Amino acid sequence: MAWLHARTPATPDPFADYGSAGVRRPRPRTPASAVVVACAAAVLLLATFAQGWGGAAPRGLTLFTEFLLAGVAFAVWRIAVMARRLRRAEQRAERLALVAEHAVSAVLVADHDGRLLWANAALTQMTGWTAAQIVGRPVSEWLFGPGATELAERIREALRLGSVFRAEVPLRASDGRPFWGALEIVSVERMGAREGRCILTFHDVSAARASREALAASEARFRSALDAMAEGLLIQGSDGAIQMCNAAAERILGLPESQMAGRTSADPRWRATREDGTDFPGGEHPAMIALVTGRPVSGVIMGVHRPDGSHVWISIEANAIFKPGDERPVGVVTTFLDVTARRRSESEIRKLTQAIEQSPAACMILNASREIEYVNRCFEQITGWRSDEVLGRNLRLLASGHAPDAVHHDLWQAVSRGERWTGEVLQHRRDGEVFRARITAFPLEDSVQRTMHFVALFEDVTEEHRRSRELARAREEALAAARAKNEFLQHMSHELRTPMNGILGMTELLQQSELTPAQRADLDTLRTSADQLLTVISQLFDFTRLGDPAAHEARISFHLRQALAPVRDKLAGGAEARSLAWRFEVTPQAPDVFLGDPGGLRQVLLHLVDNALKFTNAGEVRVQVAAECTGGRRWRLRFEVHDTGIGIPRERQGSIFEAFEQADGSSTRKYGGLGLGLTLARLIVARMDGQLVVTSEPGKGSTFSFTVPLEQGEEDPQASRPCVPTVAPAADAAAPARSRLQGARIVLVDGGGVTRDQVVPALEHAGVRVDAVPGAEAAVALVRESGGGVSALVLDERGGGFDAFAVAKRLHEALDGMQPPTVLIAITGQRGDADRCRELGVTAYLTHPLGSADLGEALDRVLAAPAGPGGAHTLVTRHLLRESRRGVRVLLVEDNAVNRKVATRLLERTGFEVQVAEDGRAGLERFREGGWDVVLMDMQMPVMDGVTSARGIRAFEVEHGLARTPIVAVTAHTLDEDRDAARASGMDAFVTKPIQADDLLRAIRDCVGDAPADAAADASPPELREVIDWDEALERMDGDEAILGELLRLFLQDSGHMMERLEEARVSGDVKRIERAAHGLKGASATISARAVAPLAREVESLARDGKLVPALDRMQDLRLEMQRLRRALEALPEQGRKAA
């Protein structure tokens, strides 16, 4: 392989005269004088030749000769010069060869193929190779060590570029010994030769290389040692400039060495600060002071800002560096430690120390021998001992001798086990006074979890114990006062509600008797005033009771929809009376049974509904109950009462919940009331962990809402149903009987969403499948498609633009014999409705507002009642539902005669059979006679109270294996304790005095359900039913036969006068008089539902109004005949029949 690929300019070869063995060859020499002589001879010859021409030689030839002579002379001079130069070059070459021969470094000459041509003696001395062994062999073959091929490539590339190759390379001696040589190769050209030469020189650098490597290793170890230091280290020159730093310095200061190099300690970029936060002058830096003074500086704390914005605290030490014999430092070594964490720990320790010193509790630290090693300031204040008096002394110093040994034993056993001990021990002060200390003791462990010390914290609780005893006495006195107040409230409630019960009950009974219009108006005023007085009394007692901190929330299982039924009834009745739209919606997702306070929920909603009705003159009142499952059996119920009333100004919305407050002072005068309703509602909601809030806008209405958490009860048939946190509108129309409705399919035809929202959820809750459709055609199609699967039809014209009778007619015509039992609900009753229902196949007829369970009872009855002769059904009305209650035997246990009379009259008028007992003992004796369907039990009576009597009844039932008879508690008390006592004694329901007929009947109906007896037969005589629609008339009187009998008597008395006025008008021929007389007769006859008289009088009135005298006179003849027939039927009715059916 050739060494060279390119030629370099020719240079003299100093080794051209050396043979292959390195021996100088002899070289022929031509003397310069011989050349000169030869040139001179040639010149002279030419000159002679020129003269031979005889002087006649041409001029040109002479000139040529002269020039030739001059050229020869120049050539001779030139040759002489070159000869001298050549001699000098040969002398230099000889000297160079001599130097190379005796050089310390090995010198080699190789051809362009790398074969050795010549080498000096140093090669043999250095490698052991002799010239005979290596001349002619490639140098790389015997000289180069490992990596010879790669090295040859590097050499060839360097020489190709015309540069000199220099490197330290591994070489080997003749005996294989490796060594490092500093090799230099240069390529040269021989003058006039085509082949180039390479000159190689090297010397052994193994020892120097080993020294360098050892020095580098030493430096690396030194650097590693510096970088392993936890302290930062800077080496600075005499000017303070940083020359070197270690890794810790880079880490602590946040700068690499390259950025710190050249900086001095006084550089403002460090932004150094003192411990007090002021700037640290650069001239005061320890490094700068050490350079100036030559003395070491240590213990200086400095803050430094890092480039990343963080701040670090360092502790600095600086030491000057001196050269031997010098007095001025040549540099400084600065070391520093990051003390940021230490300072933070010291700060925490200072804070803890201050906290312990300033703690209101005494602190002691004891060693394992229970000797005191530390006490704080509070210890000195409590015990009177100074710290220097107790340090090193045993804890027995504080022992009072009054504490049981077991207490101390338990204390030390607990802390020895590594546990915390807390208790109270009697100790004594320095002056001997004994005090009660509440101690908390715990061990302190070292790094290997050995208990070396104990800490005892204690405080003087002597005064606290004294106050506790006083508070306990005060609490007992307060509880006694509260009990006395509650007993007083119960007594006053009983004493006030008992006469109020008599007033209201007798007023209600009087209102149902024969009265003149003036008397009825007076009784209405009396009833209204009594109701207002009862409301005031109830609110005052409730306000006093709820304001008592000892009052607690009841937690019982209750049916949500059943509990809220009175709210719905109040809303329906109040809204109908004020001509307001109303909605009562309970989400169907809510379970039926909850654990909570049903009375509280009902009371809040009644207050809110009463408030909404009071302040709403037009529009709507809406109650909505939403439910959300919050996990497991926990639910969140949201109650909302919305009205479109007068609204509340924003600035008054916060104060309306305060006692005796209303949004406007004039409201009290205009609407009445104490202003306690919302206050009571807020207190009750707060007691149930809720909050009552209001949103309102004057002139647009108000919305009161609250949310309470409740737990689902166990009795709910849907208890296993997974709760879905959804809120959807629904309603509650009191749960109808499930026995016959379960599984029934009912088609509801209504005119809007109001009834649908109120009826569908209640029926579905009872197990009914409800298909709501908008009109007759859809209902017909659904009944036909079901193939007899529809159990009943419900037609409700509430909602506007819907005629229930028109739909009934269409259904009757279209379905013919396929018409299911049909319930028709009219907005208001009209004369002739009962006959129309019978003609159209309607089996039940009700009017709005519906009672809490009217629809359910009506459906239950029409599904159960068999068809009469010819497939006809008895028309179910409210009157018939009341009659169905006849035969239910009620035992009334009441000590107050007025209350007995009121309750007896109410129950008997409704159809119940009532027997009375004057006290609990008499009631228990009467019960043992047997045959009772329900017991009404007063709670507070002489001889034996209601609770004791109820327990006796339950014990008698168990003893004789009797079925459980429902017991309804009747009391003037409204406290939760009374309800709890009633439930604990085995009572099933609770009614508060003054007794409201609806509340009492609902309680009995909930307990008893359907009456066992069939409906009573109609008491009206057959001849009277021919001229009067008895069912319709009785329905118009809300089932009150006494009022209907009174109306019939009055009509009979006035009928003669009405006929006389009609006859006088006929004789006069004056259509105006005829119109007026017919109009009066029409109204009176329509009131008693006269079948023929009322439509004839209406027709005569219409003809007379239109001026048709002759047709009017003809119809008057028929009218006179029907009147005579009606009078005969009324006269045939016995007197007592006209007074009470």
Foldseek 3Di string as FASTA:
>chain_A
DFLEDDDDDADADLQPQAFQQRHGHDDDDDDLVVLVVVLVVVLVVLVVVQCVVVVPDDPVSVVVSVVSNVVSVVVSVVVVVVVVVVVVVNVVSVVVSVCQQPPCWKKFKAWRRQQTRDIHPNLCVQAVDHSVRGHRHHCLVAWADPPSVVVSVVSSVQVHVQHKDWDWGWTHHPVGHIFIKTKIKHKHHHVVDPIIMIMIIIDTCRVVVVVVVVVVVVVVVVLVVQQPDQKKKFKAFLVQFTDDIHVNVCVQQVHDPVVRGGDGQQPCQFQKAAPVGHGDHSCPPQQNVCQVPVAKDFQGWIWGAHPVGDIWIKTKIKHFDDDVPDDGGGIMMMIIHTCRVVVVVVVVVVVVVVCQQPPCWWKFKAWPVQATQDIHPNVCVVQVDDPVRRHRHHPCVFALVPFDPVVVVVCVVQQQVQHKDWDWHWTHHPVNHIFIKTKIKHFDADPVGDGTMMMIIIHTCRVVVVVVVVVVVVVVVVVVVVVVVVVVLQVVLFVVQVVLLLQLLVLVVVCLADDDPVVNVVSVVSNVVSVQVVVVSVLVSLVVQLVDPVAAWAWDKAFQLLLQLVLVQVLFVLCVVLVEAEAAWEFLLDFGIWTTHSVLVNLLSNLVSVVQSLFANYYYWYWWWWWFDPDDQKIKIKIKIKHQGQWADPVQQVPLLPWQDDSDPCCCVVRNDRSRSSVSSQSSLVSQVKGWHKDIDGNGIIMIMMMGMIGGDDVTPCSVPDRHGDTDIAARLDAFDLPLLAPAEEEEEEQDCRVVRHPVSNSVSSNYHYHYDHALVVVLVVLVVCVLRHQEYEYEYPDPPDDSLVSLQSNCVSCVVSHHAYEYEAQDFFQPPVVSCQVSRHQEYEYPPDRSHNVSVSSVCSSPFAADPPRHHHYHYLLQQLLQQAPAEEEEEAQDPSSVVSVCVLQVQSHYHYDYHNALVRSLVVCVVDDHQEYEAEQDHPPDGRLVSLLSNVVVCVVVVHDDHAYEYEYSDDGVVSVVSCVVSPHDYYAHGSGDSSVVVSVSCVRRPGHPDHGDDDPQDPLLVVFAVQVSLCVNVVNFQQVLLQLLVVCLVCVVVLVVQCVVCLVVLQLVSNLVSLVVQLVSCRNRSGPPLNVLSVVLNVCSVVVNSVVSSVSVVVNVVSSVSNSVSSVPQDSVSSRGD
